Amino acid sequence: MNTSEELEQNSKVIVEVASNYHSDKLDAEARPAVSNNKQLRPFGLCAGKFIVPDDFDSPLPEEILSAFEGK
């Protein structure tokens, strides 16, 4: 067997070993995560845990807008 044939044979063995080694991981990653929990969360789950301020929808101060815009 010449060097070229040896290299080809070795590369086939390496690919097969690597494929077998990673096959379990690849199968796990190939499937999307599915949640069996179809129950809706109750409305008002966090009622009373926080208060939305009256000015929640008002425009942001100029210094905060400038920071977002990179000025």
PDB file of N, CA and C in Angstrom:
ATOM      1  N   MET A   1       0.863  -1.182   0.000  1.00  0.00           N
ATOM      2  CA  MET A   1       0.000   0.000   0.000  1.00  0.00           C
ATOM      3  C   MET A   1       0.902   1.236   0.000  1.00  0.00           C
ATOM      4  N   ASN A   2       0.654   2.165  -0.927  1.00  0.00           N
ATOM      5  CA  ASN A   2       1.489   3.362  -0.974  1.00  0.00           C
ATOM      6  C   ASN A   2       0.957   4.434  -0.021  1.00  0.00           C
ATOM      7  N   THR A   3       1.684   5.508   0.095  1.00  0.00           N
ATOM      8  CA  THR A   3       1.354   6.569   1.048  1.00  0.00           C
ATOM      9  C   THR A   3      -0.013   7.177   0.774  1.00  0.00           C
ATOM     10  N   SER A   4      -0.353   7.363  -0.464  1.00  0.00           N
ATOM     11  CA  SER A   4      -1.646   7.936  -0.824  1.00  0.00           C
ATOM     12  C   SER A   4      -2.792   7.034  -0.379  1.00  0.00           C
ATOM     13  N   GLU A   5      -2.641   5.744  -0.611  1.00  0.00           N
ATOM     14  CA  GLU A   5      -3.678   4.797  -0.195  1.00  0.00           C
ATOM     15  C   GLU A   5      -3.784   4.721   1.323  1.00  0.00           C
ATOM     16  N   GLU A   6      -2.638   4.788   2.019  1.00  0.00           N
ATOM     17  CA  GLU A   6      -2.648   4.770   3.478  1.00  0.00           C
ATOM     18  C   GLU A   6      -3.355   6.004   4.034  1.00  0.00           C
ATOM     19  N   LEU A   7      -3.067   7.150   3.451  1.00  0.00           N
ATOM     20  CA  LEU A   7      -3.717   8.386   3.896  1.00  0.00           C
ATOM     21  C   LEU A   7      -5.222   8.326   3.678  1.00  0.00           C
ATOM     22  N   GLU A   8      -5.631   7.814   2.536  1.00  0.00           N
ATOM     23  CA  GLU A   8      -7.058   7.702   2.249  1.00  0.00           C
ATOM     24  C   GLU A   8      -7.740   6.756   3.233  1.00  0.00           C
ATOM     25  N   GLN A   9      -7.103   5.617   3.504  1.00  0.00           N
ATOM     26  CA  GLN A   9      -7.671   4.652   4.445  1.00  0.00           C
ATOM     27  C   GLN A   9      -7.746   5.252   5.850  1.00  0.00           C
ATOM     28  N   ASN A  10      -6.683   5.925   6.282  1.00  0.00           N
ATOM     29  CA  ASN A  10      -6.666   6.545   7.608  1.00  0.00           C
ATOM     30  C   ASN A  10      -7.731   7.630   7.727  1.00  0.00           C
ATOM     31  N   SER A  11      -7.920   8.405   6.682  1.00  0.00           N
ATOM     32  CA  SER A  11      -8.927   9.469   6.749  1.00  0.00           C
ATOM     33  C   SER A  11     -10.334   8.885   6.843  1.00  0.00           C
ATOM     34  N   LYS A  12     -10.580   7.768   6.170  1.00  0.00           N
ATOM     35  CA  LYS A  12     -11.891   7.117   6.268  1.00  0.00           C
ATOM     36  C   LYS A  12     -12.140   6.614   7.684  1.00  0.00           C
ATOM     37  N   VAL A  13     -11.107   6.052   8.306  1.00  0.00           N
ATOM     38  CA  VAL A  13     -11.234   5.554   9.679  1.00  0.00           C
ATOM     39  C   VAL A  13     -11.491   6.714  10.627  1.00  0.00           C
ATOM     40  N   ILE A  14     -10.772   7.807  10.456  1.00  0.00           N
ATOM     41  CA  ILE A  14     -10.946   8.976  11.325  1.00  0.00           C
ATOM     42  C   ILE A  14     -12.356   9.538  11.197  1.00  0.00           C
ATOM     43  N   VAL A  15     -12.855   9.651   9.989  1.00  0.00           N
ATOM     44  CA  VAL A  15     -14.209  10.165   9.774  1.00  0.00           C
ATOM     45  C   VAL A  15     -15.237   9.241  10.417  1.00  0.00           C
ATOM     46  N   GLU A  16     -15.053   7.945  10.288  1.00  0.00           N
ATOM     47  CA  GLU A  16     -16.000   6.993  10.873  1.00  0.00           C
ATOM     48  C   GLU A  16     -15.978   7.068  12.396  1.00  0.00           C
ATOM     49  N   VAL A  17     -14.794   7.135  12.986  1.00  0.00           N
ATOM     50  CA  VAL A  17     -14.688   7.229  14.445  1.00  0.00           C
ATOM     51  C   VAL A  17     -15.315   8.528  14.941  1.00  0.00           C
ATOM     52  N   ALA A  18     -15.020   9.635  14.271  1.00  0.00           N
ATOM     53  CA  ALA A  18     -15.580  10.926  14.678  1.00  0.00           C
ATOM     54  C   ALA A  18     -17.095  10.933  14.532  1.00  0.00           C
ATOM     55  N   SER A  19     -17.602  10.328  13.473  1.00  0.00           N
ATOM     56  CA  SER A  19     -19.054  10.278  13.270  1.00  0.00           C
ATOM     57  C   SER A  19     -19.731   9.472  14.363  1.00  0.00           C
ATOM     58  N   ASN A  20     -19.149   8.341  14.710  1.00  0.00           N
ATOM     59  CA  ASN A  20     -19.718   7.516  15.776  1.00  0.00           C
ATOM     60  C   ASN A  20     -19.647   8.220  17.119  1.00  0.00           C
ATOM     61  N   TYR A  21     -18.551   8.916  17.366  1.00  0.00           N
ATOM     62  CA  TYR A  21     -18.362   9.596  18.647  1.00  0.00           C
ATOM     63  C   TYR A  21     -19.382  10.711  18.837  1.00  0.00           C
ATOM     64  N   HIS A  22     -19.664  11.455  17.778  1.00  0.00           N
ATOM     65  CA  HIS A  22     -20.542  12.621  17.878  1.00  0.00           C
ATOM     66  C   HIS A  22     -21.993  12.341  17.498  1.00  0.00           C
ATOM     67  N   SER A  23     -22.324  11.139  17.105  1.00  0.00           N
ATOM     68  CA  SER A  23     -23.672  10.878  16.598  1.00  0.00           C
ATOM     69  C   SER A  23     -24.749  11.130  17.641  1.00  0.00           C
ATOM     70  N   ASP A  24     -24.508  10.751  18.901  1.00  0.00           N
ATOM     71  CA  ASP A  24     -25.513  10.991  19.937  1.00  0.00           C
ATOM     72  C   ASP A  24     -25.744  12.475  20.141  1.00  0.00           C
ATOM     73  N   LYS A  25     -24.681  13.236  20.183  1.00  0.00           N
ATOM     74  CA  LYS A  25     -24.804  14.682  20.389  1.00  0.00           C
ATOM     75  C   LYS A  25     -25.513  15.333  19.207  1.00  0.00           C
ATOM     76  N   LEU A  26     -25.150  14.937  18.000  1.00  0.00           N
ATOM     77  CA  LEU A  26     -25.767  15.531  16.820  1.00  0.00           C
ATOM     78  C   LEU A  26     -27.254  15.204  16.754  1.00  0.00           C
ATOM     79  N   ASP A  27     -27.636  13.991  17.113  1.00  0.00           N
ATOM     80  CA  ASP A  27     -29.050  13.635  17.115  1.00  0.00           C
ATOM     81  C   ASP A  27     -29.817  14.483  18.115  1.00  0.00           C
ATOM     82  N   ALA A  28     -29.227  14.724  19.265  1.00  0.00           N
ATOM     83  CA  ALA A  28     -29.897  15.521  20.292  1.00  0.00           C
ATOM     84  C   ALA A  28     -30.057  16.962  19.836  1.00  0.00           C
ATOM     85  N   GLU A  29     -29.070  17.484  19.122  1.00  0.00           N
ATOM     86  CA  GLU A  29     -29.142  18.865  18.673  1.00  0.00           C
ATOM     87  C   GLU A  29     -30.047  19.036  17.457  1.00  0.00           C
ATOM     88  N   ALA A  30     -30.268  17.975  16.704  1.00  0.00           N
ATOM     89  CA  ALA A  30     -31.046  18.082  15.476  1.00  0.00           C
ATOM     90  C   ALA A  30     -32.542  18.191  15.742  1.00  0.00           C
ATOM     91  N   ARG A  31     -32.979  17.747  16.908  1.00  0.00           N
ATOM     92  CA  ARG A  31     -34.406  17.786  17.220  1.00  0.00           C
ATOM     93  C   ARG A  31     -34.752  19.059  17.980  1.00  0.00           C
ATOM     94  N   PRO A  32     -35.814  19.719  17.614  1.00  0.00           N
ATOM     95  CA  PRO A  32     -36.215  20.913  18.367  1.00  0.00           C
ATOM     96  C   PRO A  32     -36.730  20.533  19.749  1.00  0.00           C
ATOM     97  N   ALA A  33     -36.505  21.422  20.683  1.00  0.00           N
ATOM     98  CA  ALA A  33     -37.015  21.194  22.034  1.00  0.00           C
ATOM     99  C   ALA A  33     -38.527  21.371  22.014  1.00  0.00           C
ATOM    100  N   VAL A  34     -39.235  20.404  22.526  1.00  0.00           N
ATOM    101  CA  VAL A  34     -40.693  20.442  22.538  1.00  0.00           C
ATOM    102  C   VAL A  34     -41.158  20.431  23.981  1.00  0.00           C
ATOM    103  N   SER A  35     -41.987  21.371  24.303  1.00  0.00           N
ATOM    104  CA  SER A  35     -42.540  21.431  25.648  1.00  0.00           C
ATOM    105  C   SER A  35     -43.905  20.766  25.653  1.00  0.00           C
ATOM    106  N   ASN A  36     -44.114  19.889  26.597  1.00  0.00           N
ATOM    107  CA  ASN A  36     -45.406  19.222  26.719  1.00  0.00           C
ATOM    108  C   ASN A  36     -46.360  20.011  27.599  1.00  0.00           C
ATOM    109  N   ASN A  37     -45.890  21.103  28.157  1.00  0.00           N
ATOM    110  CA  ASN A  37     -46.713  21.916  29.045  1.00  0.00           C
ATOM    111  C   ASN A  37     -47.560  22.867  28.199  1.00  0.00           C
ATOM    112  N   LYS A  38     -48.793  22.507  27.957  1.00  0.00           N
ATOM    113  CA  LYS A  38     -49.694  23.318  27.135  1.00  0.00           C
ATOM    114  C   LYS A  38     -50.592  24.211  27.988  1.00  0.00           C
ATOM    115  N   GLN A  39     -50.458  24.130  29.294  1.00  0.00           N
ATOM    116  CA  GLN A  39     -51.307  24.902  30.191  1.00  0.00           C
ATOM    117  C   GLN A  39     -50.900  26.380  30.151  1.00  0.00           C
ATOM    118  N   LEU A  40     -51.875  27.257  30.016  1.00  0.00           N
ATOM    119  CA  LEU A  40     -51.617  28.688  30.001  1.00  0.00           C
ATOM    120  C   LEU A  40     -51.302  29.179  31.404  1.00  0.00           C
ATOM    121  N   ARG A  41     -50.459  30.184  31.464  1.00  0.00           N
ATOM    122  CA  ARG A  41     -50.160  30.783  32.754  1.00  0.00           C
ATOM    123  C   ARG A  41     -51.339  31.651  33.167  1.00  0.00           C
ATOM    124  N   PRO A  42     -51.651  31.680  34.447  1.00  0.00           N
ATOM    125  CA  PRO A  42     -52.804  32.464  34.899  1.00  0.00           C
ATOM    126  C   PRO A  42     -52.577  33.962  34.735  1.00  0.00           C
ATOM    127  N   PHE A  43     -53.648  34.676  34.394  1.00  0.00           N
ATOM    128  CA  PHE A  43     -53.605  36.122  34.252  1.00  0.00           C
ATOM    129  C   PHE A  43     -53.400  36.747  35.628  1.00  0.00           C
ATOM    130  N   GLY A  44     -52.553  37.763  35.690  1.00  0.00           N
ATOM    131  CA  GLY A  44     -52.326  38.453  36.956  1.00  0.00           C
ATOM    132  C   GLY A  44     -51.433  37.684  37.907  1.00  0.00           C
ATOM    133  N   LEU A  45     -50.556  36.872  37.380  1.00  0.00           N
ATOM    134  CA  LEU A  45     -49.694  36.041  38.206  1.00  0.00           C
ATOM    135  C   LEU A  45     -48.819  36.874  39.145  1.00  0.00           C
ATOM    136  N   CYS A  46     -48.416  38.054  38.704  1.00  0.00           N
ATOM    137  CA  CYS A  46     -47.545  38.910  39.519  1.00  0.00           C
ATOM    138  C   CYS A  46     -48.296  40.126  40.057  1.00  0.00           C
ATOM    139  N   ALA A  47     -49.595  40.027  40.165  1.00  0.00           N
ATOM    140  CA  ALA A  47     -50.387  41.163  40.654  1.00  0.00           C
ATOM    141  C   ALA A  47     -49.884  41.593  42.028  1.00  0.00           C
ATOM    142  N   GLY A  48     -49.645  42.897  42.163  1.00  0.00           N
ATOM    143  CA  GLY A  48     -49.189  43.447  43.427  1.00  0.00           C
ATOM    144  C   GLY A  48     -47.694  43.341  43.656  1.00  0.00           C
ATOM    145  N   LYS A  49     -46.956  42.737  42.746  1.00  0.00           N
ATOM    146  CA  LYS A  49     -45.507  42.576  42.908  1.00  0.00           C
ATOM    147  C   LYS A  49     -44.737  43.821  42.484  1.00  0.00           C
ATOM    148  N   PHE A  50     -45.306  44.614  41.591  1.00  0.00           N
ATOM    149  CA  PHE A  50     -44.656  45.854  41.169  1.00  0.00           C
ATOM    150  C   PHE A  50     -45.722  46.840  40.733  1.00  0.00           C
ATOM    151  N   ILE A  51     -45.327  48.100  40.663  1.00  0.00           N
ATOM    152  CA  ILE A  51     -46.248  49.173  40.284  1.00  0.00           C
ATOM    153  C   ILE A  51     -45.697  49.860  39.043  1.00  0.00           C
ATOM    154  N   VAL A  52     -46.533  50.020  38.037  1.00  0.00           N
ATOM    155  CA  VAL A  52     -46.143  50.731  36.826  1.00  0.00           C
ATOM    156  C   VAL A  52     -46.292  52.223  37.105  1.00  0.00           C
ATOM    157  N   PRO A  53     -45.207  52.995  36.958  1.00  0.00           N
ATOM    158  CA  PRO A  53     -45.296  54.428  37.250  1.00  0.00           C
ATOM    159  C   PRO A  53     -46.219  55.152  36.268  1.00  0.00           C
ATOM    160  N   ASP A  54     -46.778  56.276  36.721  1.00  0.00           N
ATOM    161  CA  ASP A  54     -47.692  57.060  35.885  1.00  0.00           C
ATOM    162  C   ASP A  54     -47.009  57.572  34.620  1.00  0.00           C
ATOM    163  N   ASP A  55     -45.708  57.868  34.688  1.00  0.00           N
ATOM    164  CA  ASP A  55     -44.998  58.423  33.533  1.00  0.00           C
ATOM    165  C   ASP A  55     -44.320  57.328  32.686  1.00  0.00           C
ATOM    166  N   PHE A  56     -44.800  56.112  32.762  1.00  0.00           N
ATOM    167  CA  PHE A  56     -44.196  54.983  32.051  1.00  0.00           C
ATOM    168  C   PHE A  56     -44.106  55.231  30.546  1.00  0.00           C
ATOM    169  N   ASP A  57     -45.140  55.820  29.954  1.00  0.00           N
ATOM    170  CA  ASP A  57     -45.181  56.044  28.506  1.00  0.00           C
ATOM    171  C   ASP A  57     -44.610  57.394  28.082  1.00  0.00           C
ATOM    172  N   SER A  58     -44.129  58.182  29.006  1.00  0.00           N
ATOM    173  CA  SER A  58     -43.605  59.506  28.644  1.00  0.00           C
ATOM    174  C   SER A  58     -42.244  59.355  27.959  1.00  0.00           C
ATOM    175  N   PRO A  59     -41.860  60.359  27.170  1.00  0.00           N
ATOM    176  CA  PRO A  59     -40.572  60.289  26.467  1.00  0.00           C
ATOM    177  C   PRO A  59     -39.403  60.191  27.456  1.00  0.00           C
ATOM    178  N   LEU A  60     -38.339  59.543  27.012  1.00  0.00           N
ATOM    179  CA  LEU A  60     -37.148  59.417  27.847  1.00  0.00           C
ATOM    180  C   LEU A  60     -36.414  60.751  27.933  1.00  0.00           C
ATOM    181  N   PRO A  61     -35.677  60.978  29.011  1.00  0.00           N
ATOM    182  CA  PRO A  61     -34.868  62.193  29.119  1.00  0.00           C
ATOM    183  C   PRO A  61     -33.809  62.235  28.017  1.00  0.00           C
ATOM    184  N   GLU A  62     -33.380  63.432  27.663  1.00  0.00           N
ATOM    185  CA  GLU A  62     -32.435  63.636  26.563  1.00  0.00           C
ATOM    186  C   GLU A  62     -31.120  62.886  26.780  1.00  0.00           C
ATOM    187  N   GLU A  63     -30.607  62.844  28.016  1.00  0.00           N
ATOM    188  CA  GLU A  63     -29.325  62.162  28.256  1.00  0.00           C
ATOM    189  C   GLU A  63     -29.430  60.649  28.020  1.00  0.00           C
ATOM    190  N   ILE A  64     -30.572  60.070  28.285  1.00  0.00           N
ATOM    191  CA  ILE A  64     -30.755  58.636  28.027  1.00  0.00           C
ATOM    192  C   ILE A  64     -30.900  58.387  26.530  1.00  0.00           C
ATOM    193  N   LEU A  65     -31.653  59.240  25.837  1.00  0.00           N
ATOM    194  CA  LEU A  65     -31.770  59.108  24.382  1.00  0.00           C
ATOM    195  C   LEU A  65     -30.407  59.243  23.711  1.00  0.00           C
ATOM    196  N   SER A  66     -29.607  60.190  24.179  1.00  0.00           N
ATOM    197  CA  SER A  66     -28.267  60.388  23.614  1.00  0.00           C
ATOM    198  C   SER A  66     -27.400  59.150  23.822  1.00  0.00           C
ATOM    199  N   ALA A  67     -27.517  58.519  24.981  1.00  0.00           N
ATOM    200  CA  ALA A  67     -26.729  57.317  25.253  1.00  0.00           C
ATOM    201  C   ALA A  67     -27.120  56.183  24.304  1.00  0.00           C
ATOM    202  N   PHE A  68     -28.413  56.044  24.019  1.00  0.00           N
ATOM    203  CA  PHE A  68     -28.859  55.012  23.081  1.00  0.00           C
ATOM    204  C   PHE A  68     -28.351  55.285  21.669  1.00  0.00           C
ATOM    205  N   GLU A  69     -28.273  56.557  21.317  1.00  0.00           N
ATOM    206  CA  GLU A  69     -27.852  56.940  19.971  1.00  0.00           C
ATOM    207  C   GLU A  69     -26.341  57.042  19.843  1.00  0.00           C
ATOM    208  N   GLY A  70     -25.610  56.796  20.928  1.00  0.00           N
ATOM    209  CA  GLY A  70     -24.150  56.831  20.889  1.00  0.00           C
ATOM    210  C   GLY A  70     -23.574  58.225  20.839  1.00  0.00           C
ATOM    211  N   LYS A  71     -24.296  59.201  21.346  1.00  0.00           N
ATOM    212  CA  LYS A  71     -23.803  60.591  21.325  1.00  0.00           C
ATOM    213  C   LYS A  71     -23.085  60.923  22.603  1.00  0.00           C
TER     214      LYS A  71
END
